[in-house]
Amino acid sequence: MPVESTALASSIVVLAGGVDNIVGVERCMVRLRLTLADQDAADVPGIAQLPGVALALHLMGQLQIAPTSHLDELHATVSQIVARARG
Protein backbone atom coordinates (compact mmCIF):
# COMPACT_ATOMS: atom_id res chain seq x y z
CA MET A 1 0.00 0.00 0.00
CA PRO A 2 1.35 3.46 -0.83
CA VAL A 3 2.65 5.49 2.11
CA GLU A 4 -0.05 8.11 1.49
CA SER A 5 -2.77 5.46 1.82
CA THR A 6 -1.26 4.14 5.06
CA ALA A 7 -1.21 7.67 6.45
CA LEU A 8 -4.80 8.16 5.29
CA ALA A 9 -5.92 4.97 7.03
CA SER A 10 -4.22 6.05 10.27
CA SER A 11 -5.81 9.50 10.08
CA ILE A 12 -9.25 8.02 9.47
CA VAL A 13 -8.92 5.74 12.51
CA VAL A 14 -7.90 8.65 14.74
CA LEU A 15 -10.63 10.98 13.44
CA ALA A 16 -13.23 8.22 13.73
CA GLY A 17 -12.67 8.30 17.48
CA GLY A 18 -9.82 5.79 17.69
CA VAL A 19 -9.72 2.02 17.50
CA ASP A 20 -11.82 1.66 20.64
CA ASN A 21 -14.67 3.48 18.91
CA ILE A 22 -14.58 1.31 15.77
CA VAL A 23 -16.88 -1.69 16.17
CA GLY A 24 -16.78 -2.90 12.57
CA VAL A 25 -14.96 -2.26 9.29
CA GLU A 26 -16.70 -3.08 6.01
CA ARG A 27 -16.70 -1.88 2.44
CA CYS A 28 -18.99 -1.73 -0.54
CA MET A 29 -18.08 -0.96 -4.14
CA VAL A 30 -17.06 2.65 -3.50
CA ARG A 31 -17.08 3.32 0.25
CA LEU A 32 -15.33 2.30 3.42
CA ARG A 33 -18.02 1.72 6.04
CA LEU A 34 -17.22 1.99 9.74
CA THR A 35 -19.65 0.98 12.46
CA LEU A 36 -18.89 3.12 15.49
CA ALA A 37 -19.73 2.71 19.17
CA ASP A 38 -20.28 6.49 19.42
CA GLN A 39 -20.96 8.28 16.14
CA ASP A 40 -20.65 11.66 17.86
CA ALA A 41 -16.99 10.89 18.66
CA ALA A 42 -16.10 10.94 14.95
CA ASP A 43 -14.85 14.14 13.33
CA VAL A 44 -16.72 13.70 10.04
CA PRO A 45 -15.83 17.16 8.65
CA GLY A 46 -12.19 16.47 9.50
CA ILE A 47 -12.28 13.14 7.66
CA ALA A 48 -13.97 14.79 4.66
CA GLN A 49 -11.11 17.30 4.44
CA LEU A 50 -8.36 14.67 4.37
CA PRO A 51 -6.43 14.45 1.09
CA GLY A 52 -7.65 11.31 -0.64
CA VAL A 53 -11.22 11.50 0.69
CA ALA A 54 -14.00 12.52 -1.69
CA LEU A 55 -16.88 12.18 0.79
CA ALA A 56 -17.51 11.35 4.44
CA LEU A 57 -20.93 11.15 6.09
CA HIS A 58 -23.06 9.29 8.61
CA LEU A 59 -25.58 7.13 6.76
CA MET A 60 -27.58 4.04 7.74
CA GLY A 61 -25.91 3.84 11.15
CA GLN A 62 -22.39 3.89 9.74
CA LEU A 63 -19.62 6.35 9.03
CA GLN A 64 -19.23 6.04 5.26
CA ILE A 65 -16.08 7.28 3.57
CA ALA A 66 -15.54 7.45 -0.19
CA PRO A 67 -11.82 7.60 -0.96
CA THR A 68 -10.60 9.03 -4.25
CA SER A 69 -8.66 5.79 -4.92
CA HIS A 70 -7.21 2.64 -3.34
CA LEU A 71 -10.39 1.50 -1.55
CA ASP A 72 -9.20 -2.12 -1.31
CA GLU A 73 -5.92 -1.09 0.30
CA LEU A 74 -7.60 1.45 2.57
CA HIS A 75 -10.10 -1.14 3.81
CA ALA A 76 -7.33 -3.68 4.42
CA THR A 77 -5.14 -1.19 6.29
CA VAL A 78 -7.92 0.18 8.51
CA SER A 79 -8.97 -3.40 9.30
CA GLN A 80 -5.37 -4.28 10.12
CA ILE A 81 -4.92 -1.26 12.41
CA VAL A 82 -8.08 -2.15 14.33
CA ALA A 83 -7.18 -5.86 14.55
CA ARG A 84 -3.64 -5.14 15.81
CA ALA A 85 -4.96 -2.82 18.50
CA ARG A 86 -7.30 -5.52 19.75
CA GLY A 87 -4.51 -8.09 19.87
PDB file of N, CA and C in Angstrom:
ATOM      1  N   MET A   1       0.845  -1.183   0.000  1.00  0.00           N
ATOM      2  CA  MET A   1       0.000   0.000   0.000  1.00  0.00           C
ATOM      3  C   MET A   1       0.885   1.240   0.000  1.00  0.00           C
ATOM      4  N   PRO A   2       0.565   2.232  -0.814  1.00  0.00           N
ATOM      5  CA  PRO A   2       1.351   3.461  -0.829  1.00  0.00           C
ATOM      6  C   PRO A   2       1.383   4.126   0.543  1.00  0.00           C
ATOM      7  N   VAL A   3       2.489   4.812   0.821  1.00  0.00           N
ATOM      8  CA  VAL A   3       2.650   5.486   2.114  1.00  0.00           C
ATOM      9  C   VAL A   3       1.499   6.448   2.365  1.00  0.00           C
ATOM     10  N   GLU A   4       1.047   7.150   1.322  1.00  0.00           N
ATOM     11  CA  GLU A   4      -0.051   8.105   1.486  1.00  0.00           C
ATOM     12  C   GLU A   4      -1.322   7.405   1.958  1.00  0.00           C
ATOM     13  N   SER A   5      -1.566   6.205   1.431  1.00  0.00           N
ATOM     14  CA  SER A   5      -2.766   5.459   1.821  1.00  0.00           C
ATOM     15  C   SER A   5      -2.665   4.961   3.252  1.00  0.00           C
ATOM     16  N   THR A   6      -1.459   4.573   3.671  1.00  0.00           N
ATOM     17  CA  THR A   6      -1.260   4.142   5.055  1.00  0.00           C
ATOM     18  C   THR A   6      -1.498   5.316   6.002  1.00  0.00           C
ATOM     19  N   ALA A   7      -0.987   6.470   5.640  1.00  0.00           N
ATOM     20  CA  ALA A   7      -1.206   7.670   6.452  1.00  0.00           C
ATOM     21  C   ALA A   7      -2.688   8.032   6.479  1.00  0.00           C
ATOM     22  N   LEU A   8      -3.363   7.885   5.346  1.00  0.00           N
ATOM     23  CA  LEU A   8      -4.801   8.164   5.287  1.00  0.00           C
ATOM     24  C   LEU A   8      -5.568   7.224   6.206  1.00  0.00           C
ATOM     25  N   ALA A   9      -5.247   5.945   6.167  1.00  0.00           N
ATOM     26  CA  ALA A   9      -5.922   4.967   7.033  1.00  0.00           C
ATOM     27  C   ALA A   9      -5.725   5.324   8.500  1.00  0.00           C
ATOM     28  N   SER A  10      -4.501   5.675   8.876  1.00  0.00           N
ATOM     29  CA  SER A  10      -4.222   6.050  10.268  1.00  0.00           C
ATOM     30  C   SER A  10      -5.001   7.292  10.672  1.00  0.00           C
ATOM     31  N   SER A  11      -5.058   8.274   9.793  1.00  0.00           N
ATOM     32  CA  SER A  11      -5.805   9.501  10.083  1.00  0.00           C
ATOM     33  C   SER A  11      -7.292   9.222  10.233  1.00  0.00           C
ATOM     34  N   ILE A  12      -7.825   8.367   9.380  1.00  0.00           N
ATOM     35  CA  ILE A  12      -9.247   8.018   9.469  1.00  0.00           C
ATOM     36  C   ILE A  12      -9.551   7.354  10.801  1.00  0.00           C
ATOM     37  N   VAL A  13      -8.694   6.429  11.228  1.00  0.00           N
ATOM     38  CA  VAL A  13      -8.918   5.745  12.510  1.00  0.00           C
ATOM     39  C   VAL A  13      -8.929   6.756  13.653  1.00  0.00           C
ATOM     40  N   VAL A  14      -7.965   7.649  13.672  1.00  0.00           N
ATOM     41  CA  VAL A  14      -7.896   8.655  14.739  1.00  0.00           C
ATOM     42  C   VAL A  14      -9.134   9.551  14.721  1.00  0.00           C
ATOM     43  N   LEU A  15      -9.492  10.060  13.544  1.00  0.00           N
ATOM     44  CA  LEU A  15     -10.626  10.983  13.443  1.00  0.00           C
ATOM     45  C   LEU A  15     -11.975  10.294  13.625  1.00  0.00           C
ATOM     46  N   ALA A  16     -11.996   8.972  13.487  1.00  0.00           N
ATOM     47  CA  ALA A  16     -13.233   8.219  13.733  1.00  0.00           C
ATOM     48  C   ALA A  16     -13.442   7.966  15.225  1.00  0.00           C
ATOM     49  N   GLY A  17     -12.536   8.465  16.041  1.00  0.00           N
ATOM     50  CA  GLY A  17     -12.670   8.296  17.484  1.00  0.00           C
ATOM     51  C   GLY A  17     -11.716   7.272  18.058  1.00  0.00           C
ATOM     52  N   GLY A  18     -10.808   6.767  17.229  1.00  0.00           N
ATOM     53  CA  GLY A  18      -9.820   5.793  17.690  1.00  0.00           C
ATOM     54  C   GLY A  18     -10.309   4.363  17.543  1.00  0.00           C
ATOM     55  N   VAL A  19      -9.376   3.434  17.703  1.00  0.00           N
ATOM     56  CA  VAL A  19      -9.718   2.019  17.503  1.00  0.00           C
ATOM     57  C   VAL A  19     -10.783   1.538  18.474  1.00  0.00           C
ATOM     58  N   ASP A  20     -10.820   2.097  19.665  1.00  0.00           N
ATOM     59  CA  ASP A  20     -11.822   1.662  20.639  1.00  0.00           C
ATOM     60  C   ASP A  20     -13.237   2.067  20.235  1.00  0.00           C
ATOM     61  N   ASN A  21     -13.355   3.044  19.363  1.00  0.00           N
ATOM     62  CA  ASN A  21     -14.675   3.484  18.907  1.00  0.00           C
ATOM     63  C   ASN A  21     -15.139   2.728  17.661  1.00  0.00           C
ATOM     64  N   ILE A  22     -14.234   2.017  17.009  1.00  0.00           N
ATOM     65  CA  ILE A  22     -14.576   1.307  15.775  1.00  0.00           C
ATOM     66  C   ILE A  22     -15.018  -0.108  16.109  1.00  0.00           C
ATOM     67  N   VAL A  23     -16.288  -0.384  15.879  1.00  0.00           N
ATOM     68  CA  VAL A  23     -16.885  -1.689  16.175  1.00  0.00           C
ATOM     69  C   VAL A  23     -16.754  -2.628  14.981  1.00  0.00           C
ATOM     70  N   GLY A  24     -16.851  -2.075  13.773  1.00  0.00           N
ATOM     71  CA  GLY A  24     -16.778  -2.897  12.569  1.00  0.00           C
ATOM     72  C   GLY A  24     -16.219  -2.119  11.397  1.00  0.00           C
ATOM     73  N   VAL A  25     -15.533  -2.850  10.497  1.00  0.00           N
ATOM     74  CA  VAL A  25     -14.963  -2.256   9.287  1.00  0.00           C
ATOM     75  C   VAL A  25     -15.456  -3.074   8.104  1.00  0.00           C
ATOM     76  N   GLU A  26     -16.178  -2.421   7.207  1.00  0.00           N
ATOM     77  CA  GLU A  26     -16.701  -3.085   6.011  1.00  0.00           C
ATOM     78  C   GLU A  26     -16.436  -2.193   4.814  1.00  0.00           C
ATOM     79  N   ARG A  27     -16.793  -2.695   3.640  1.00  0.00           N
ATOM     80  CA  ARG A  27     -16.700  -1.878   2.437  1.00  0.00           C
ATOM     81  C   ARG A  27     -17.766  -2.311   1.454  1.00  0.00           C
ATOM     82  N   CYS A  28     -18.125  -1.397   0.596  1.00  0.00           N
ATOM     83  CA  CYS A  28     -18.989  -1.733  -0.537  1.00  0.00           C
ATOM     84  C   CYS A  28     -18.171  -1.430  -1.786  1.00  0.00           C
ATOM     85  N   MET A  29     -18.815  -1.199  -2.888  1.00  0.00           N
ATOM     86  CA  MET A  29     -18.077  -0.961  -4.136  1.00  0.00           C
ATOM     87  C   MET A  29     -17.260   0.332  -4.118  1.00  0.00           C
ATOM     88  N   VAL A  30     -17.740   1.354  -3.431  1.00  0.00           N
ATOM     89  CA  VAL A  30     -17.055   2.652  -3.498  1.00  0.00           C
ATOM     90  C   VAL A  30     -16.770   3.289  -2.140  1.00  0.00           C
ATOM     91  N   ARG A  31     -17.244   2.683  -1.060  1.00  0.00           N
ATOM     92  CA  ARG A  31     -17.083   3.321   0.251  1.00  0.00           C
ATOM     93  C   ARG A  31     -16.524   2.374   1.299  1.00  0.00           C
ATOM     94  N   LEU A  32     -15.740   2.952   2.188  1.00  0.00           N
ATOM     95  CA  LEU A  32     -15.327   2.295   3.417  1.00  0.00           C
ATOM     96  C   LEU A  32     -16.435   2.575   4.418  1.00  0.00           C
ATOM     97  N   ARG A  33     -16.901   1.553   5.109  1.00  0.00           N
ATOM     98  CA  ARG A  33     -18.023   1.716   6.041  1.00  0.00           C
ATOM     99  C   ARG A  33     -17.580   1.304   7.444  1.00  0.00           C
ATOM    100  N   LEU A  34     -17.618   2.245   8.362  1.00  0.00           N
ATOM    101  CA  LEU A  34     -17.219   1.989   9.741  1.00  0.00           C
ATOM    102  C   LEU A  34     -18.446   2.028  10.641  1.00  0.00           C
ATOM    103  N   THR A  35     -18.624   0.986  11.417  1.00  0.00           N
ATOM    104  CA  THR A  35     -19.647   0.978  12.458  1.00  0.00           C
ATOM    105  C   THR A  35     -18.958   1.459  13.726  1.00  0.00           C
ATOM    106  N   LEU A  36     -19.517   2.487  14.337  1.00  0.00           N
ATOM    107  CA  LEU A  36     -18.890   3.118  15.494  1.00  0.00           C
ATOM    108  C   LEU A  36     -19.720   2.913  16.751  1.00  0.00           C
ATOM    109  N   ALA A  37     -19.041   2.807  17.883  1.00  0.00           N
ATOM    110  CA  ALA A  37     -19.727   2.710  19.167  1.00  0.00           C
ATOM    111  C   ALA A  37     -20.415   4.039  19.481  1.00  0.00           C
ATOM    112  N   ASP A  38     -19.741   5.147  19.175  1.00  0.00           N
ATOM    113  CA  ASP A  38     -20.279   6.486  19.424  1.00  0.00           C
ATOM    114  C   ASP A  38     -20.058   7.331  18.174  1.00  0.00           C
ATOM    115  N   GLN A  39     -21.103   7.516  17.386  1.00  0.00           N
ATOM    116  CA  GLN A  39     -20.964   8.279  16.143  1.00  0.00           C
ATOM    117  C   GLN A  39     -20.575   9.729  16.395  1.00  0.00           C
ATOM    118  N   ASP A  40     -20.972  10.266  17.547  1.00  0.00           N
ATOM    119  CA  ASP A  40     -20.648  11.655  17.860  1.00  0.00           C
ATOM    120  C   ASP A  40     -19.160  11.862  18.132  1.00  0.00           C
ATOM    121  N   ALA A  41     -18.420  10.787  18.401  1.00  0.00           N
ATOM    122  CA  ALA A  41     -16.988  10.887  18.662  1.00  0.00           C
ATOM    123  C   ALA A  41     -16.178  11.065  17.378  1.00  0.00           C
ATOM    124  N   ALA A  42     -16.799  10.834  16.236  1.00  0.00           N
ATOM    125  CA  ALA A  42     -16.102  10.945  14.951  1.00  0.00           C
ATOM    126  C   ALA A  42     -16.110  12.390  14.454  1.00  0.00           C
ATOM    127  N   ASP A  43     -14.982  12.813  13.941  1.00  0.00           N
ATOM    128  CA  ASP A  43     -14.853  14.139  13.327  1.00  0.00           C
ATOM    129  C   ASP A  43     -15.095  13.984  11.822  1.00  0.00           C
ATOM    130  N   VAL A  44     -16.361  13.936  11.444  1.00  0.00           N
ATOM    131  CA  VAL A  44     -16.722  13.704  10.038  1.00  0.00           C
ATOM    132  C   VAL A  44     -16.216  14.830   9.133  1.00  0.00           C
ATOM    133  N   PRO A  45     -16.384  16.104   9.513  1.00  0.00           N
ATOM    134  CA  PRO A  45     -15.830  17.158   8.653  1.00  0.00           C
ATOM    135  C   PRO A  45     -14.308  17.050   8.505  1.00  0.00           C
ATOM    136  N   GLY A  46     -13.637  16.654   9.569  1.00  0.00           N
ATOM    137  CA  GLY A  46     -12.185  16.467   9.501  1.00  0.00           C
ATOM    138  C   GLY A  46     -11.800  15.356   8.547  1.00  0.00           C
ATOM    139  N   ILE A  47     -12.544  14.252   8.583  1.00  0.00           N
ATOM    140  CA  ILE A  47     -12.284  13.142   7.659  1.00  0.00           C
ATOM    141  C   ILE A  47     -12.540  13.592   6.227  1.00  0.00           C
ATOM    142  N   ALA A  48     -13.624  14.325   6.007  1.00  0.00           N
ATOM    143  CA  ALA A  48     -13.973  14.787   4.657  1.00  0.00           C
ATOM    144  C   ALA A  48     -12.904  15.699   4.064  1.00  0.00           C
ATOM    145  N   GLN A  49     -12.145  16.381   4.915  1.00  0.00           N
ATOM    146  CA  GLN A  49     -11.109  17.300   4.438  1.00  0.00           C
ATOM    147  C   GLN A  49      -9.764  16.631   4.207  1.00  0.00           C
ATOM    148  N   LEU A  50      -9.632  15.356   4.574  1.00  0.00           N
ATOM    149  CA  LEU A  50      -8.357  14.670   4.369  1.00  0.00           C
ATOM    150  C   LEU A  50      -8.055  14.523   2.879  1.00  0.00           C
ATOM    151  N   PRO A  51      -6.799  14.731   2.481  1.00  0.00           N
ATOM    152  CA  PRO A  51      -6.431  14.454   1.093  1.00  0.00           C
ATOM    153  C   PRO A  51      -6.674  12.971   0.796  1.00  0.00           C
ATOM    154  N   GLY A  52      -7.342  12.697  -0.291  1.00  0.00           N
ATOM    155  CA  GLY A  52      -7.651  11.312  -0.639  1.00  0.00           C
ATOM    156  C   GLY A  52      -9.059  10.894  -0.276  1.00  0.00           C
ATOM    157  N   VAL A  53      -9.826  11.797   0.347  1.00  0.00           N
ATOM    158  CA  VAL A  53     -11.218  11.502   0.694  1.00  0.00           C
ATOM    159  C   VAL A  53     -12.132  12.399  -0.140  1.00  0.00           C
ATOM    160  N   ALA A  54     -13.042  11.771  -0.873  1.00  0.00           N
ATOM    161  CA  ALA A  54     -13.997  12.522  -1.693  1.00  0.00           C
ATOM    162  C   ALA A  54     -15.259  12.869  -0.916  1.00  0.00           C
ATOM    163  N   LEU A  55     -15.618  12.018   0.065  1.00  0.00           N
ATOM    164  CA  LEU A  55     -16.880  12.182   0.786  1.00  0.00           C
ATOM    165  C   LEU A  55     -16.802  11.439   2.109  1.00  0.00           C
ATOM    166  N   ALA A  56     -17.368  12.027   3.149  1.00  0.00           N
ATOM    167  CA  ALA A  56     -17.513  11.352   4.442  1.00  0.00           C
ATOM    168  C   ALA A  56     -18.834  11.796   5.052  1.00  0.00           C
ATOM    169  N   LEU A  57     -19.637  10.828   5.503  1.00  0.00           N
ATOM    170  CA  LEU A  57     -20.929  11.150   6.092  1.00  0.00           C
ATOM    171  C   LEU A  57     -21.429   9.991   6.940  1.00  0.00           C
ATOM    172  N   HIS A  58     -22.347  10.312   7.855  1.00  0.00           N
ATOM    173  CA  HIS A  58     -23.062   9.285   8.610  1.00  0.00           C
ATOM    174  C   HIS A  58     -24.276   8.895   7.782  1.00  0.00           C
ATOM    175  N   LEU A  59     -24.444   7.601   7.541  1.00  0.00           N
ATOM    176  CA  LEU A  59     -25.576   7.125   6.763  1.00  0.00           C
ATOM    177  C   LEU A  59     -25.874   5.689   7.162  1.00  0.00           C
ATOM    178  N   MET A  60     -27.140   5.404   7.412  1.00  0.00           N
ATOM    179  CA  MET A  60     -27.578   4.045   7.744  1.00  0.00           C
ATOM    180  C   MET A  60     -26.813   3.457   8.937  1.00  0.00           C
ATOM    181  N   GLY A  61     -26.565   4.302   9.940  1.00  0.00           N
ATOM    182  CA  GLY A  61     -25.908   3.843  11.154  1.00  0.00           C
ATOM    183  C   GLY A  61     -24.421   3.602  11.023  1.00  0.00           C
ATOM    184  N   GLN A  62     -23.821   4.076   9.948  1.00  0.00           N
ATOM    185  CA  GLN A  62     -22.391   3.887   9.736  1.00  0.00           C
ATOM    186  C   GLN A  62     -21.740   5.211   9.345  1.00  0.00           C
ATOM    187  N   LEU A  63     -20.436   5.280   9.587  1.00  0.00           N
ATOM    188  CA  LEU A  63     -19.625   6.346   9.027  1.00  0.00           C
ATOM    189  C   LEU A  63     -19.158   5.833   7.672  1.00  0.00           C
ATOM    190  N   GLN A  64     -19.573   6.487   6.606  1.00  0.00           N
ATOM    191  CA  GLN A  64     -19.230   6.039   5.260  1.00  0.00           C
ATOM    192  C   GLN A  64     -18.246   7.027   4.641  1.00  0.00           C
ATOM    193  N   ILE A  65     -17.165   6.473   4.115  1.00  0.00           N
ATOM    194  CA  ILE A  65     -16.078   7.278   3.568  1.00  0.00           C
ATOM    195  C   ILE A  65     -15.800   6.818   2.146  1.00  0.00           C
ATOM    196  N   ALA A  66     -15.857   7.750   1.206  1.00  0.00           N
ATOM    197  CA  ALA A  66     -15.539   7.448  -0.189  1.00  0.00           C
ATOM    198  C   ALA A  66     -14.147   8.003  -0.493  1.00  0.00           C
ATOM    199  N   PRO A  67     -13.154   7.124  -0.607  1.00  0.00           N
ATOM    200  CA  PRO A  67     -11.816   7.602  -0.961  1.00  0.00           C
ATOM    201  C   PRO A  67     -11.736   7.900  -2.459  1.00  0.00           C
ATOM    202  N   THR A  68     -10.773   8.720  -2.833  1.00  0.00           N
ATOM    203  CA  THR A  68     -10.599   9.029  -4.251  1.00  0.00           C
ATOM    204  C   THR A  68      -9.963   7.871  -5.009  1.00  0.00           C
ATOM    205  N   SER A  69      -9.272   6.973  -4.298  1.00  0.00           N
ATOM    206  CA  SER A  69      -8.663   5.793  -4.918  1.00  0.00           C
ATOM    207  C   SER A  69      -8.228   4.820  -3.827  1.00  0.00           C
ATOM    208  N   HIS A  70      -7.788   3.645  -4.233  1.00  0.00           N
ATOM    209  CA  HIS A  70      -7.207   2.636  -3.338  1.00  0.00           C
ATOM    210  C   HIS A  70      -8.154   2.150  -2.240  1.00  0.00           C
ATOM    211  N   LEU A  71      -9.427   1.963  -2.552  1.00  0.00           N
ATOM    212  CA  LEU A  71     -10.388   1.499  -1.546  1.00  0.00           C
ATOM    213  C   LEU A  71      -9.992   0.148  -0.971  1.00  0.00           C
ATOM    214  N   ASP A  72      -9.580  -0.790  -1.806  1.00  0.00           N
ATOM    215  CA  ASP A  72      -9.198  -2.116  -1.306  1.00  0.00           C
ATOM    216  C   ASP A  72      -8.080  -2.012  -0.278  1.00  0.00           C
ATOM    217  N   GLU A  73      -7.053  -1.242  -0.605  1.00  0.00           N
ATOM    218  CA  GLU A  73      -5.917  -1.090   0.299  1.00  0.00           C
ATOM    219  C   GLU A  73      -6.309  -0.342   1.567  1.00  0.00           C
ATOM    220  N   LEU A  74      -7.143   0.675   1.414  1.00  0.00           N
ATOM    221  CA  LEU A  74      -7.595   1.448   2.573  1.00  0.00           C
ATOM    222  C   LEU A  74      -8.393   0.566   3.526  1.00  0.00           C
ATOM    223  N   HIS A  75      -9.305  -0.218   2.994  1.00  0.00           N
ATOM    224  CA  HIS A  75     -10.097  -1.142   3.810  1.00  0.00           C
ATOM    225  C   HIS A  75      -9.185  -2.126   4.532  1.00  0.00           C
ATOM    226  N   ALA A  76      -8.239  -2.710   3.818  1.00  0.00           N
ATOM    227  CA  ALA A  76      -7.326  -3.685   4.420  1.00  0.00           C
ATOM    228  C   ALA A  76      -6.486  -3.052   5.526  1.00  0.00           C
ATOM    229  N   THR A  77      -6.005  -1.843   5.301  1.00  0.00           N
ATOM    230  CA  THR A  77      -5.145  -1.194   6.289  1.00  0.00           C
ATOM    231  C   THR A  77      -5.922  -0.762   7.523  1.00  0.00           C
ATOM    232  N   VAL A  78      -7.102  -0.186   7.349  1.00  0.00           N
ATOM    233  CA  VAL A  78      -7.924   0.180   8.510  1.00  0.00           C
ATOM    234  C   VAL A  78      -8.276  -1.079   9.304  1.00  0.00           C
ATOM    235  N   SER A  79      -8.654  -2.137   8.623  1.00  0.00           N
ATOM    236  CA  SER A  79      -8.973  -3.402   9.301  1.00  0.00           C
ATOM    237  C   SER A  79      -7.773  -3.915  10.082  1.00  0.00           C
ATOM    238  N   GLN A  80      -6.597  -3.813   9.480  1.00  0.00           N
ATOM    239  CA  GLN A  80      -5.368  -4.280  10.124  1.00  0.00           C
ATOM    240  C   GLN A  80      -5.033  -3.444  11.361  1.00  0.00           C
ATOM    241  N   ILE A  81      -5.179  -2.139  11.264  1.00  0.00           N
ATOM    242  CA  ILE A  81      -4.916  -1.260  12.408  1.00  0.00           C
ATOM    243  C   ILE A  81      -5.835  -1.624  13.572  1.00  0.00           C
ATOM    244  N   VAL A  82      -7.107  -1.808  13.288  1.00  0.00           N
ATOM    245  CA  VAL A  82      -8.080  -2.149  14.333  1.00  0.00           C
ATOM    246  C   VAL A  82      -7.769  -3.528  14.920  1.00  0.00           C
ATOM    247  N   ALA A  83      -7.472  -4.499  14.075  1.00  0.00           N
ATOM    248  CA  ALA A  83      -7.178  -5.860  14.550  1.00  0.00           C
ATOM    249  C   ALA A  83      -5.927  -5.887  15.419  1.00  0.00           C
ATOM    250  N   ARG A  84      -4.886  -5.181  15.016  1.00  0.00           N
ATOM    251  CA  ARG A  84      -3.645  -5.143  15.809  1.00  0.00           C
ATOM    252  C   ARG A  84      -3.883  -4.529  17.182  1.00  0.00           C
ATOM    253  N   ALA A  85      -4.689  -3.484  17.230  1.00  0.00           N
ATOM    254  CA  ALA A  85      -4.956  -2.816  18.504  1.00  0.00           C
ATOM    255  C   ALA A  85      -5.727  -3.716  19.464  1.00  0.00           C
ATOM    256  N   ARG A  86      -6.509  -4.615  18.908  1.00  0.00           N
ATOM    257  CA  ARG A  86      -7.300  -5.522  19.747  1.00  0.00           C
ATOM    258  C   ARG A  86      -6.538  -6.780  20.124  1.00  0.00           C
ATOM    259  N   GLY A  87      -5.359  -6.946  19.531  1.00  0.00           N
ATOM    260  CA  GLY A  87      -4.510  -8.094  19.870  1.00  0.00           C
ATOM    261  C   GLY A  87      -4.953  -9.312  19.219  1.00  0.00           C
TER     262      GLY A  87
END
